[in-house]
Structures are given as structure tokens and as C-alpha cells.
Amino acid sequence: MIRGPDAGTESSDAAFDGGPDEALSWCERYSRKHGENFTVVSWFLPRELRAPMFAVYAFCRFTDNIGDDAGADPAERLARLDAWQADLECAFDETPPQHPINVALQHVARSKPLHVDPFRRLIEANRLDQRQSRYDTFQDVLAYCDLSANPVGEMVLALWDVDTSTDEGRYRIDLSNATCTALQLSNHWQDVRRDWLDAGRLYLPLEDLRDFDLSEDDIGQGIEDRRCPAAFREMMRFQVDRAEAYFRKGERLLDEVPDELAIDLRLFTDGGRAVLRAIEQQDYDTLTRRPRVSKQTRAWLALRAFVQLKLL
């Protein structure tokens, strides 16, 4: 059974009986319901790519919702993820899938160079979240990003017909991975408090805590007492600089893709950097409260992207 929170079909045993158009429409409704930031980005896509992008986004959101379902224990989430992957495999081996998201992806994959591997890796990231809540080294965190974030960039480039089998394609994937990793790191640094309280997870490398004379107890006590040690602020400054370095590398992709895609990528990059600036503005304290990007900043970034699009 494919189950997950927040929508009707995903909590049903019945196979979806609609065709590709109905499945794509389902994905759009689901994406608009669950993805405020994504629907802003979708305004800037060429019309012919909006439905495929909704399908990809719906898959990513649905997968994460299964992995984060607070109403299920880890064993139940793992079972749901296994069932979800089994249905995904149908989409790529020409067997009729059960879920409208995978029906939509099967349709998209017939005209775009989508591969199953990035979708599998995203599911695996959610499996990992059920089994592991600590990462000893930064390389371990990067390996997690390669499952949880980098596949999304690969999916998007495929929708733009990027052939990853060529040297040029692999170079673009490398730059895309840098941007996606930077976005994931920014999210991790922003959500230290929420990840700890909601799921008992800590994505900060334990080796970095040790290097800055911090412990997990310091993190937990700081969150509980709403007190941020100076050593934590210094460590977070280091992590913010790390994420920014990945954003700088990934920016080179903007010159390697069509202008319309570059605008979307710029919007994502600027949004991630806005998170880093929000962390800086509260003196690198992500223990006592979650840094937030203001509505005014988000509106300004969207407006700037809109003007850029009109100037093409």
C-alpha cells in the first residue's frame, strides 16, 4: 500500500485509473497545495515544461512527506518507502504504476531523458533519515546531500534535455550538484533547532563540534535554555562560509543553460543565500530561534526574476 500524509489518493489501495493528462493535473494540484515556493518558481518556466516540472516536484514532496510523517514510526515509514519505490520502478519499466505521480512521470519520461536513479536516491535519503540521525564528518553530510538534494537538479536538467552521458552534460551536473548541496546545507543550518526538536536529528558534522569545543549536550542545552554559546556562533559562521563556497561554484551553471532556466536557478540560488544572510543577521544563532527570510525579501527576489524574464 502506498500511503503518505496530506492527500486522498496516497492513502488508498486503489490504483489510479486516469490517464496521463489527469495524472499531470493531479500533480499540479498537489504541488500548489504543498509547495508555496515552488509555485512562485513555476511562473517563470516555459509553458511546455510546467506540467513535467509539477510531476517532478510532486514526486519530491510526496517522498519527503512519507519520510517525515509524524503519525508513523520509522518501521512503517520504511515500509511505505519500499512500496513507493516499487511503484516508481513501474514508471520506468513500462508497467502501469498505481499512483498518479508515477503515472505522470512515466508519461514525461517518454519524451524527456529522465532516469530512474535520481528518484531512487531521493527515496534512499528518506530511508537514511529513518536509520541515522547523526553524521560524523562533513564528507558524510555531503554523501547525504548527494541523496537528498543533488538528484533534484539532475531531474530538472533532464527536463531541459541535458544529456548527462556527454562531458558537457557531466560538467553541468557537477555544477548543479554544487548548487543543490548549497541549498541543502543552508536548510540544515537554518533548521538546527527544528530538526533537533521535531525529529531528534542533527546534520552538523560531529567532527566540527569537536573542533569548536562543542558537544551534542551543548546543542541540546542551548536549544532547551534558548541560549547560544559563542563557540556555536563561530562554528556556524564556518558552516555558512562553506555553503556559500558551494553557491559560488554552482553559479557557473547559469552561463551553461538556457536563459529561462538560468532565471529559475538564480531565484533558487538567491533564495538559499537569503537564508544564509538571515543566519548572519541573527549573529549565527540557530539554536534559540529559526532564521527566517522575510516576505519582503522573497517578493523582491521574485520581482527581480520576473523583470529579468521580461527583458529576455
C-alpha atoms as a PDB file:
ATOM      1  CA  MET A   1       0.000   0.000   0.000  1.00  0.00           C
ATOM      2  CA  ILE A   2       1.256   3.474  -0.872  1.00  0.00           C
ATOM      3  CA  ARG A   3       0.444   5.801   1.970  1.00  0.00           C
ATOM      4  CA  GLY A   4       1.591   9.223   2.984  1.00  0.00           C
ATOM      5  CA  PRO A   5       0.097  12.317   4.551  1.00  0.00           C
ATOM      6  CA  ASP A   6      -1.911  15.120   3.068  1.00  0.00           C
ATOM      7  CA  ALA A   7      -3.781  13.856   0.023  1.00  0.00           C
ATOM      8  CA  GLY A   8      -6.515  11.465  -0.973  1.00  0.00           C
ATOM      9  CA  THR A   9      -5.034   9.037  -3.486  1.00  0.00           C
ATOM     10  CA  GLU A  10      -1.883   8.428  -1.492  1.00  0.00           C
ATOM     11  CA  SER A  11      -3.818   6.885   1.376  1.00  0.00           C
ATOM     12  CA  SER A  12      -5.765   4.467  -0.818  1.00  0.00           C
ATOM     13  CA  ASP A  13      -5.109   0.946  -2.050  1.00  0.00           C
ATOM     14  CA  ALA A  14      -6.947   1.659  -5.312  1.00  0.00           C
ATOM     15  CA  ALA A  15      -4.809   2.167  -8.403  1.00  0.00           C
ATOM     16  CA  PHE A  16      -5.202   5.468 -10.193  1.00  0.00           C
ATOM     17  CA  ASP A  17      -7.499   4.890 -13.147  1.00  0.00           C
ATOM     18  CA  GLY A  18      -6.951   8.148 -15.023  1.00  0.00           C
ATOM     19  CA  GLY A  19      -4.724   8.837 -17.988  1.00  0.00           C
ATOM     20  CA  PRO A  20      -1.560  10.957 -18.263  1.00  0.00           C
ATOM     21  CA  ASP A  21      -3.424  14.266 -18.517  1.00  0.00           C
ATOM     22  CA  GLU A  22      -5.385  13.548 -15.350  1.00  0.00           C
ATOM     23  CA  ALA A  23      -2.203  12.439 -13.595  1.00  0.00           C
ATOM     24  CA  LEU A  24      -0.380  15.616 -14.579  1.00  0.00           C
ATOM     25  CA  SER A  25      -3.297  17.695 -13.321  1.00  0.00           C
ATOM     26  CA  TRP A  26      -3.204  15.783 -10.033  1.00  0.00           C
ATOM     27  CA  CYS A  27       0.494  16.613  -9.685  1.00  0.00           C
ATOM     28  CA  GLU A  28      -0.158  20.297 -10.296  1.00  0.00           C
ATOM     29  CA  ARG A  29      -2.882  20.429  -7.645  1.00  0.00           C
ATOM     30  CA  TYR A  30      -0.685  18.581  -5.165  1.00  0.00           C
ATOM     31  CA  SER A  31       2.307  20.838  -5.880  1.00  0.00           C
ATOM     32  CA  ARG A  32       0.290  24.025  -5.490  1.00  0.00           C
ATOM     33  CA  LYS A  33      -1.117  22.730  -2.208  1.00  0.00           C
ATOM     34  CA  HIS A  34       2.231  21.719  -0.752  1.00  0.00           C
ATOM     35  CA  GLY A  35       4.816  23.962  -2.414  1.00  0.00           C
ATOM     36  CA  GLU A  36       4.430  27.704  -1.935  1.00  0.00           C
ATOM     37  CA  ASN A  37       7.997  28.444  -3.028  1.00  0.00           C
ATOM     38  CA  PHE A  38       7.801  26.098  -5.995  1.00  0.00           C
ATOM     39  CA  THR A  39       4.651  27.678  -7.405  1.00  0.00           C
ATOM     40  CA  VAL A  40       6.443  31.024  -7.480  1.00  0.00           C
ATOM     41  CA  VAL A  41       9.309  29.478  -9.443  1.00  0.00           C
ATOM     42  CA  SER A  42       6.877  27.781 -11.839  1.00  0.00           C
ATOM     43  CA  TRP A  43       5.676  31.180 -13.098  1.00  0.00           C
ATOM     44  CA  PHE A  44       8.985  31.610 -14.892  1.00  0.00           C
ATOM     45  CA  LEU A  45       9.048  28.254 -16.670  1.00  0.00           C
ATOM     46  CA  PRO A  46       8.169  27.869 -20.348  1.00  0.00           C
ATOM     47  CA  ARG A  47       4.590  26.668 -20.537  1.00  0.00           C
ATOM     48  CA  GLU A  48       5.522  23.291 -22.029  1.00  0.00           C
ATOM     49  CA  LEU A  49       7.740  22.475 -19.032  1.00  0.00           C
ATOM     50  CA  ARG A  50       5.304  23.392 -16.279  1.00  0.00           C
ATOM     51  CA  ALA A  51       3.398  20.104 -16.203  1.00  0.00           C
ATOM     52  CA  PRO A  52       6.608  17.975 -16.246  1.00  0.00           C
ATOM     53  CA  MET A  53       8.074  20.156 -13.501  1.00  0.00           C
ATOM     54  CA  PHE A  54       4.944  19.764 -11.385  1.00  0.00           C
ATOM     55  CA  ALA A  55       5.320  15.980 -11.758  1.00  0.00           C
ATOM     56  CA  VAL A  56       8.937  16.090 -10.578  1.00  0.00           C
ATOM     57  CA  TYR A  57       8.144  18.433  -7.708  1.00  0.00           C
ATOM     58  CA  ALA A  58       5.161  16.323  -6.630  1.00  0.00           C
ATOM     59  CA  PHE A  59       7.406  13.242  -6.501  1.00  0.00           C
ATOM     60  CA  CYS A  60       9.980  15.044  -4.337  1.00  0.00           C
ATOM     61  CA  ARG A  61       7.390  16.486  -1.960  1.00  0.00           C
ATOM     62  CA  PHE A  62       5.426  13.223  -1.696  1.00  0.00           C
ATOM     63  CA  THR A  63       8.603  11.257  -0.949  1.00  0.00           C
ATOM     64  CA  ASP A  64       9.674  13.675   1.772  1.00  0.00           C
ATOM     65  CA  ASN A  65       6.191  13.619   3.278  1.00  0.00           C
ATOM     66  CA  ILE A  66       6.359   9.838   3.623  1.00  0.00           C
ATOM     67  CA  GLY A  67       9.789  10.082   5.263  1.00  0.00           C
ATOM     68  CA  ASP A  68       8.688  12.828   7.666  1.00  0.00           C
ATOM     69  CA  ASP A  69       5.221  11.522   8.556  1.00  0.00           C
ATOM     70  CA  ALA A  70       4.941  12.207  12.281  1.00  0.00           C
ATOM     71  CA  GLY A  71       2.000   9.829  12.546  1.00  0.00           C
ATOM     72  CA  ALA A  72       4.076   6.768  11.643  1.00  0.00           C
ATOM     73  CA  ASP A  73       7.035   5.076  13.308  1.00  0.00           C
ATOM     74  CA  PRO A  74      10.314   4.525  11.393  1.00  0.00           C
ATOM     75  CA  ALA A  75       9.469   0.914  10.501  1.00  0.00           C
ATOM     76  CA  GLU A  76       6.150   1.952   8.999  1.00  0.00           C
ATOM     77  CA  ARG A  77       7.783   4.795   7.066  1.00  0.00           C
ATOM     78  CA  LEU A  78      10.378   2.366   5.682  1.00  0.00           C
ATOM     79  CA  ALA A  79       7.644   0.006   4.544  1.00  0.00           C
ATOM     80  CA  ARG A  80       5.844   2.864   2.809  1.00  0.00           C
ATOM     81  CA  LEU A  81       9.067   3.996   1.138  1.00  0.00           C
ATOM     82  CA  ASP A  82       9.640   0.447  -0.141  1.00  0.00           C
ATOM     83  CA  ALA A  83       6.122   0.361  -1.596  1.00  0.00           C
ATOM     84  CA  TRP A  84       6.651   3.819  -3.075  1.00  0.00           C
ATOM     85  CA  GLN A  85       9.858   2.728  -4.798  1.00  0.00           C
ATOM     86  CA  ALA A  86       8.188  -0.397  -6.171  1.00  0.00           C
ATOM     87  CA  ASP A  87       5.564   1.812  -7.805  1.00  0.00           C
ATOM     88  CA  LEU A  88       8.279   4.165  -9.082  1.00  0.00           C
ATOM     89  CA  GLU A  89      10.063   1.250 -10.765  1.00  0.00           C
ATOM     90  CA  CYS A  90       6.864   0.560 -12.714  1.00  0.00           C
ATOM     91  CA  ALA A  91       7.065   4.040 -14.187  1.00  0.00           C
ATOM     92  CA  PHE A  92      10.454   3.274 -15.701  1.00  0.00           C
ATOM     93  CA  ASP A  93       9.908  -0.327 -16.841  1.00  0.00           C
ATOM     94  CA  GLU A  94       6.650   0.340 -18.702  1.00  0.00           C
ATOM     95  CA  THR A  95       4.469  -1.420 -16.143  1.00  0.00           C
ATOM     96  CA  PRO A  96       1.339   0.574 -15.216  1.00  0.00           C
ATOM     97  CA  PRO A  97       2.037   2.411 -11.914  1.00  0.00           C
ATOM     98  CA  GLN A  98      -0.547   2.722  -9.177  1.00  0.00           C
ATOM     99  CA  HIS A  99      -0.017   6.340  -8.129  1.00  0.00           C
ATOM    100  CA  PRO A 100      -0.821   9.412 -10.276  1.00  0.00           C
ATOM    101  CA  ILE A 101       2.622  10.903  -9.655  1.00  0.00           C
ATOM    102  CA  ASN A 102       4.303   7.864 -11.170  1.00  0.00           C
ATOM    103  CA  VAL A 103       1.744   7.731 -13.982  1.00  0.00           C
ATOM    104  CA  ALA A 104       2.747  11.323 -14.764  1.00  0.00           C
ATOM    105  CA  LEU A 105       6.472  10.552 -14.555  1.00  0.00           C
ATOM    106  CA  GLN A 106       6.064   7.578 -16.882  1.00  0.00           C
ATOM    107  CA  HIS A 107       4.436   9.875 -19.417  1.00  0.00           C
ATOM    108  CA  VAL A 108       7.132  12.559 -19.054  1.00  0.00           C
ATOM    109  CA  ALA A 109       9.953  10.000 -19.340  1.00  0.00           C
ATOM    110  CA  ARG A 110       8.725   9.023 -22.799  1.00  0.00           C
ATOM    111  CA  SER A 111       9.725  12.429 -24.164  1.00  0.00           C
ATOM    112  CA  LYS A 112      12.451  13.566 -21.750  1.00  0.00           C
ATOM    113  CA  PRO A 113      15.745  11.886 -20.735  1.00  0.00           C
ATOM    114  CA  LEU A 114      14.605  11.143 -17.185  1.00  0.00           C
ATOM    115  CA  HIS A 115      16.436   8.278 -15.485  1.00  0.00           C
ATOM    116  CA  VAL A 116      15.247   6.308 -12.502  1.00  0.00           C
ATOM    117  CA  ASP A 117      18.476   6.686 -10.482  1.00  0.00           C
ATOM    118  CA  PRO A 118      17.880  10.223  -9.124  1.00  0.00           C
ATOM    119  CA  PHE A 119      14.389   9.234  -7.999  1.00  0.00           C
ATOM    120  CA  ARG A 120      15.741   6.137  -6.254  1.00  0.00           C
ATOM    121  CA  ARG A 121      18.381   8.205  -4.470  1.00  0.00           C
ATOM    122  CA  LEU A 122      15.799  10.625  -3.127  1.00  0.00           C
ATOM    123  CA  ILE A 123      13.838   7.720  -1.671  1.00  0.00           C
ATOM    124  CA  GLU A 124      17.076   6.360  -0.193  1.00  0.00           C
ATOM    125  CA  ALA A 125      17.720   9.706   1.542  1.00  0.00           C
ATOM    126  CA  ASN A 126      14.397   9.321   3.297  1.00  0.00           C
ATOM    127  CA  ARG A 127      15.270   5.747   4.255  1.00  0.00           C
ATOM    128  CA  LEU A 128      18.510   7.039   5.723  1.00  0.00           C
ATOM    129  CA  ASP A 129      16.583   9.539   7.842  1.00  0.00           C
ATOM    130  CA  GLN A 130      14.769   6.619   9.494  1.00  0.00           C
ATOM    131  CA  ARG A 131      18.034   4.899  10.392  1.00  0.00           C
ATOM    132  CA  GLN A 132      20.536   7.656  11.058  1.00  0.00           C
ATOM    133  CA  SER A 133      20.310  10.943  12.940  1.00  0.00           C
ATOM    134  CA  ARG A 134      23.994  11.913  13.267  1.00  0.00           C
ATOM    135  CA  TYR A 135      26.866  12.469  10.790  1.00  0.00           C
ATOM    136  CA  ASP A 136      30.432  12.272  11.993  1.00  0.00           C
ATOM    137  CA  THR A 137      32.221  14.106   9.169  1.00  0.00           C
ATOM    138  CA  PHE A 138      31.431  16.763   6.609  1.00  0.00           C
ATOM    139  CA  GLN A 139      32.026  14.166   3.910  1.00  0.00           C
ATOM    140  CA  ASP A 140      29.224  12.142   5.480  1.00  0.00           C
ATOM    141  CA  VAL A 141      26.937  15.174   5.222  1.00  0.00           C
ATOM    142  CA  LEU A 142      27.934  15.647   1.580  1.00  0.00           C
ATOM    143  CA  ALA A 143      27.098  11.997   0.905  1.00  0.00           C
ATOM    144  CA  TYR A 144      23.661  12.643   2.399  1.00  0.00           C
ATOM    145  CA  CYS A 145      23.243  15.708   0.160  1.00  0.00           C
ATOM    146  CA  ASP A 146      24.049  13.522  -2.842  1.00  0.00           C
ATOM    147  CA  LEU A 147      20.960  11.503  -1.946  1.00  0.00           C
ATOM    148  CA  SER A 148      18.639  14.195  -0.609  1.00  0.00           C
ATOM    149  CA  ALA A 149      19.346  17.242  -2.802  1.00  0.00           C
ATOM    150  CA  ASN A 150      21.543  16.623  -5.831  1.00  0.00           C
ATOM    151  CA  PRO A 151      19.053  14.282  -7.546  1.00  0.00           C
ATOM    152  CA  VAL A 152      16.578  17.154  -7.839  1.00  0.00           C
ATOM    153  CA  GLY A 153      18.976  19.152 -10.005  1.00  0.00           C
ATOM    154  CA  GLU A 154      19.564  16.108 -12.200  1.00  0.00           C
ATOM    155  CA  MET A 155      15.807  15.706 -12.680  1.00  0.00           C
ATOM    156  CA  VAL A 156      15.407  19.367 -13.625  1.00  0.00           C
ATOM    157  CA  LEU A 157      18.276  19.307 -16.125  1.00  0.00           C
ATOM    158  CA  ALA A 158      16.746  16.221 -17.728  1.00  0.00           C
ATOM    159  CA  LEU A 159      13.519  18.156 -18.311  1.00  0.00           C
ATOM    160  CA  TRP A 160      15.650  20.668 -20.212  1.00  0.00           C
ATOM    161  CA  ASP A 161      17.052  17.791 -22.323  1.00  0.00           C
ATOM    162  CA  VAL A 162      20.547  17.866 -20.852  1.00  0.00           C
ATOM    163  CA  ASP A 163      22.325  14.694 -21.952  1.00  0.00           C
ATOM    164  CA  THR A 164      24.346  13.580 -18.924  1.00  0.00           C
ATOM    165  CA  SER A 165      26.279  10.986 -20.936  1.00  0.00           C
ATOM    166  CA  THR A 166      28.494  13.672 -22.521  1.00  0.00           C
ATOM    167  CA  ASP A 167      31.412  15.503 -20.919  1.00  0.00           C
ATOM    168  CA  GLU A 168      29.448  18.746 -21.206  1.00  0.00           C
ATOM    169  CA  GLY A 169      26.439  17.149 -19.543  1.00  0.00           C
ATOM    170  CA  ARG A 170      28.523  15.752 -16.705  1.00  0.00           C
ATOM    171  CA  TYR A 171      30.100  19.195 -16.179  1.00  0.00           C
ATOM    172  CA  ARG A 172      26.639  20.735 -15.868  1.00  0.00           C
ATOM    173  CA  ILE A 173      25.573  18.037 -13.423  1.00  0.00           C
ATOM    174  CA  ASP A 174      28.658  18.784 -11.316  1.00  0.00           C
ATOM    175  CA  LEU A 175      27.718  22.469 -11.147  1.00  0.00           C
ATOM    176  CA  SER A 176      24.089  21.616 -10.452  1.00  0.00           C
ATOM    177  CA  ASN A 177      25.194  19.358  -7.613  1.00  0.00           C
ATOM    178  CA  ALA A 178      27.122  22.249  -6.074  1.00  0.00           C
ATOM    179  CA  THR A 179      24.007  24.438  -6.063  1.00  0.00           C
ATOM    180  CA  CYS A 180      21.767  21.681  -4.709  1.00  0.00           C
ATOM    181  CA  THR A 181      24.287  20.827  -1.996  1.00  0.00           C
ATOM    182  CA  ALA A 182      24.496  24.503  -1.034  1.00  0.00           C
ATOM    183  CA  LEU A 183      20.708  24.694  -0.781  1.00  0.00           C
ATOM    184  CA  GLN A 184      20.592  21.582   1.398  1.00  0.00           C
ATOM    185  CA  LEU A 185      23.371  22.845   3.664  1.00  0.00           C
ATOM    186  CA  SER A 186      21.592  26.192   4.028  1.00  0.00           C
ATOM    187  CA  ASN A 187      18.435  24.358   5.017  1.00  0.00           C
ATOM    188  CA  HIS A 188      20.311  22.218   7.541  1.00  0.00           C
ATOM    189  CA  TRP A 189      21.985  25.231   9.160  1.00  0.00           C
ATOM    190  CA  GLN A 190      18.684  27.124   9.272  1.00  0.00           C
ATOM    191  CA  ASP A 191      16.817  24.202  10.853  1.00  0.00           C
ATOM    192  CA  VAL A 192      19.212  23.069  13.593  1.00  0.00           C
ATOM    193  CA  ARG A 193      16.629  23.839  16.264  1.00  0.00           C
ATOM    194  CA  ARG A 194      13.636  22.392  14.403  1.00  0.00           C
ATOM    195  CA  ASP A 195      15.432  19.196  13.298  1.00  0.00           C
ATOM    196  CA  TRP A 196      16.517  18.574  16.894  1.00  0.00           C
ATOM    197  CA  LEU A 197      13.111  19.210  18.443  1.00  0.00           C
ATOM    198  CA  ASP A 198      10.918  17.619  15.765  1.00  0.00           C
ATOM    199  CA  ALA A 199      12.936  14.570  14.766  1.00  0.00           C
ATOM    200  CA  GLY A 200      15.959  14.299  17.065  1.00  0.00           C
ATOM    201  CA  ARG A 201      18.231  14.865  14.065  1.00  0.00           C
ATOM    202  CA  LEU A 202      21.490  16.786  13.872  1.00  0.00           C
ATOM    203  CA  TYR A 203      23.113  17.360  10.493  1.00  0.00           C
ATOM    204  CA  LEU A 204      26.045  19.402  11.805  1.00  0.00           C
ATOM    205  CA  PRO A 205      29.168  17.226  11.484  1.00  0.00           C
ATOM    206  CA  LEU A 206      30.198  15.900  14.882  1.00  0.00           C
ATOM    207  CA  GLU A 207      33.862  16.407  13.974  1.00  0.00           C
ATOM    208  CA  ASP A 208      33.157  20.128  13.600  1.00  0.00           C
ATOM    209  CA  LEU A 209      31.501  20.270  17.001  1.00  0.00           C
ATOM    210  CA  ARG A 210      34.637  18.734  18.477  1.00  0.00           C
ATOM    211  CA  ASP A 211      36.883  21.150  16.576  1.00  0.00           C
ATOM    212  CA  PHE A 212      34.988  24.084  18.102  1.00  0.00           C
ATOM    213  CA  ASP A 213      34.936  22.532  21.598  1.00  0.00           C
ATOM    214  CA  LEU A 214      31.228  21.779  21.436  1.00  0.00           C
ATOM    215  CA  SER A 215      29.256  18.660  22.250  1.00  0.00           C
ATOM    216  CA  GLU A 216      25.790  17.348  21.499  1.00  0.00           C
ATOM    217  CA  ASP A 217      24.900  18.233  25.076  1.00  0.00           C
ATOM    218  CA  ASP A 218      25.827  21.856  24.344  1.00  0.00           C
ATOM    219  CA  ILE A 219      23.443  21.810  21.370  1.00  0.00           C
ATOM    220  CA  GLY A 220      20.597  20.263  23.342  1.00  0.00           C
ATOM    221  CA  GLN A 221      21.109  22.508  26.358  1.00  0.00           C
ATOM    222  CA  GLY A 222      21.332  25.611  24.203  1.00  0.00           C
ATOM    223  CA  ILE A 223      18.063  24.717  22.479  1.00  0.00           C
ATOM    224  CA  GLU A 224      16.354  23.927  25.800  1.00  0.00           C
ATOM    225  CA  ASP A 225      17.603  27.069  27.565  1.00  0.00           C
ATOM    226  CA  ARG A 226      17.350  29.289  24.463  1.00  0.00           C
ATOM    227  CA  ARG A 227      20.983  30.192  24.882  1.00  0.00           C
ATOM    228  CA  CYS A 228      23.569  30.177  22.106  1.00  0.00           C
ATOM    229  CA  PRO A 229      27.224  29.683  23.136  1.00  0.00           C
ATOM    230  CA  ALA A 230      29.844  31.834  21.454  1.00  0.00           C
ATOM    231  CA  ALA A 231      31.589  28.693  20.207  1.00  0.00           C
ATOM    232  CA  PHE A 232      28.424  27.659  18.383  1.00  0.00           C
ATOM    233  CA  ARG A 233      28.229  31.046  16.646  1.00  0.00           C
ATOM    234  CA  GLU A 234      31.825  30.659  15.470  1.00  0.00           C
ATOM    235  CA  MET A 235      31.144  27.144  14.241  1.00  0.00           C
ATOM    236  CA  MET A 236      28.010  28.283  12.398  1.00  0.00           C
ATOM    237  CA  ARG A 237      29.949  31.112  10.749  1.00  0.00           C
ATOM    238  CA  PHE A 238      32.296  28.439   9.419  1.00  0.00           C
ATOM    239  CA  GLN A 239      29.357  26.383   8.101  1.00  0.00           C
ATOM    240  CA  VAL A 240      27.746  29.403   6.414  1.00  0.00           C
ATOM    241  CA  ASP A 241      31.015  30.166   4.628  1.00  0.00           C
ATOM    242  CA  ARG A 242      31.161  26.545   3.490  1.00  0.00           C
ATOM    243  CA  ALA A 243      27.677  26.712   1.985  1.00  0.00           C
ATOM    244  CA  GLU A 244      28.479  29.998   0.259  1.00  0.00           C
ATOM    245  CA  ALA A 245      31.506  28.380  -1.420  1.00  0.00           C
ATOM    246  CA  TYR A 246      29.192  25.781  -2.975  1.00  0.00           C
ATOM    247  CA  PHE A 247      26.833  28.522  -4.171  1.00  0.00           C
ATOM    248  CA  ARG A 248      29.769  30.287  -5.843  1.00  0.00           C
ATOM    249  CA  LYS A 249      30.774  27.122  -7.661  1.00  0.00           C
ATOM    250  CA  GLY A 250      27.227  26.383  -8.750  1.00  0.00           C
ATOM    251  CA  GLU A 251      26.742  29.896 -10.154  1.00  0.00           C
ATOM    252  CA  ARG A 252      28.834  28.900 -13.152  1.00  0.00           C
ATOM    253  CA  LEU A 253      25.891  26.799 -14.300  1.00  0.00           C
ATOM    254  CA  LEU A 254      23.944  29.994 -15.081  1.00  0.00           C
ATOM    255  CA  ASP A 255      26.148  30.527 -18.144  1.00  0.00           C
ATOM    256  CA  GLU A 256      25.698  26.926 -19.290  1.00  0.00           C
ATOM    257  CA  VAL A 257      21.902  26.678 -19.551  1.00  0.00           C
ATOM    258  CA  PRO A 258      19.096  28.460 -21.454  1.00  0.00           C
ATOM    259  CA  ASP A 259      18.182  31.908 -20.166  1.00  0.00           C
ATOM    260  CA  GLU A 260      14.761  30.833 -18.884  1.00  0.00           C
ATOM    261  CA  LEU A 261      16.319  28.073 -16.782  1.00  0.00           C
ATOM    262  CA  ALA A 262      19.079  30.409 -15.601  1.00  0.00           C
ATOM    263  CA  ILE A 263      16.422  32.731 -14.167  1.00  0.00           C
ATOM    264  CA  ASP A 264      14.904  29.880 -12.162  1.00  0.00           C
ATOM    265  CA  LEU A 265      18.323  28.762 -10.973  1.00  0.00           C
ATOM    266  CA  ARG A 266      19.181  32.318  -9.967  1.00  0.00           C
ATOM    267  CA  LEU A 267      15.946  32.517  -7.980  1.00  0.00           C
ATOM    268  CA  PHE A 268      16.776  29.285  -6.140  1.00  0.00           C
ATOM    269  CA  THR A 269      20.359  30.416  -5.509  1.00  0.00           C
ATOM    270  CA  ASP A 270      19.315  33.840  -4.265  1.00  0.00           C
ATOM    271  CA  GLY A 271      16.716  32.236  -2.031  1.00  0.00           C
ATOM    272  CA  GLY A 272      19.321  29.948  -0.487  1.00  0.00           C
ATOM    273  CA  ARG A 273      21.731  32.800   0.003  1.00  0.00           C
ATOM    274  CA  ALA A 274      18.953  34.794   1.655  1.00  0.00           C
ATOM    275  CA  VAL A 275      18.768  32.010   4.247  1.00  0.00           C
ATOM    276  CA  LEU A 276      22.497  32.367   4.887  1.00  0.00           C
ATOM    277  CA  ARG A 277      22.098  36.146   5.244  1.00  0.00           C
ATOM    278  CA  ALA A 278      19.255  35.592   7.718  1.00  0.00           C
ATOM    279  CA  ILE A 279      21.580  33.377   9.776  1.00  0.00           C
ATOM    280  CA  GLU A 280      24.242  36.070   9.694  1.00  0.00           C
ATOM    281  CA  GLN A 281      21.756  38.756  10.697  1.00  0.00           C
ATOM    282  CA  GLN A 282      20.969  36.970  13.942  1.00  0.00           C
ATOM    283  CA  ASP A 283      24.655  36.550  14.689  1.00  0.00           C
ATOM    284  CA  TYR A 284      24.787  32.892  13.633  1.00  0.00           C
ATOM    285  CA  ASP A 285      22.386  31.812  16.362  1.00  0.00           C
ATOM    286  CA  THR A 286      20.235  28.963  15.046  1.00  0.00           C
ATOM    287  CA  LEU A 287      19.702  27.381  18.457  1.00  0.00           C
ATOM    288  CA  THR A 288      17.295  29.817  20.101  1.00  0.00           C
ATOM    289  CA  ARG A 289      15.163  30.578  17.037  1.00  0.00           C
ATOM    290  CA  ARG A 290      14.901  29.645  13.383  1.00  0.00           C
ATOM    291  CA  PRO A 291      16.227  32.307  10.978  1.00  0.00           C
ATOM    292  CA  ARG A 292      13.563  33.394   8.523  1.00  0.00           C
ATOM    293  CA  VAL A 293      13.634  35.089   5.145  1.00  0.00           C
ATOM    294  CA  SER A 294      11.113  37.924   5.183  1.00  0.00           C
ATOM    295  CA  LYS A 295       8.142  38.059   2.838  1.00  0.00           C
ATOM    296  CA  GLN A 296       9.536  41.321   1.507  1.00  0.00           C
ATOM    297  CA  THR A 297      12.813  39.636   0.570  1.00  0.00           C
ATOM    298  CA  ARG A 298      11.025  36.749  -1.128  1.00  0.00           C
ATOM    299  CA  ALA A 299       8.801  39.170  -3.022  1.00  0.00           C
ATOM    300  CA  TRP A 300      11.815  41.213  -4.135  1.00  0.00           C
ATOM    301  CA  LEU A 301      13.613  38.125  -5.427  1.00  0.00           C
ATOM    302  CA  ALA A 302      10.515  37.039  -7.365  1.00  0.00           C
ATOM    303  CA  LEU A 303      10.025  40.534  -8.792  1.00  0.00           C
ATOM    304  CA  ARG A 304      13.648  40.717  -9.911  1.00  0.00           C
ATOM    305  CA  ALA A 305      13.323  37.329 -11.627  1.00  0.00           C
ATOM    306  CA  PHE A 306      10.138  38.499 -13.349  1.00  0.00           C
ATOM    307  CA  VAL A 307      11.858  41.628 -14.680  1.00  0.00           C
ATOM    308  CA  GLN A 308      14.788  39.560 -15.923  1.00  0.00           C
ATOM    309  CA  LEU A 309      12.374  37.278 -17.766  1.00  0.00           C
ATOM    310  CA  LYS A 310      10.642  40.213 -19.432  1.00  0.00           C
ATOM    311  CA  LEU A 311      13.980  41.590 -20.589  1.00  0.00           C
ATOM    312  CA  LEU A 312      14.920  38.391 -22.463  1.00  0.00           C
END
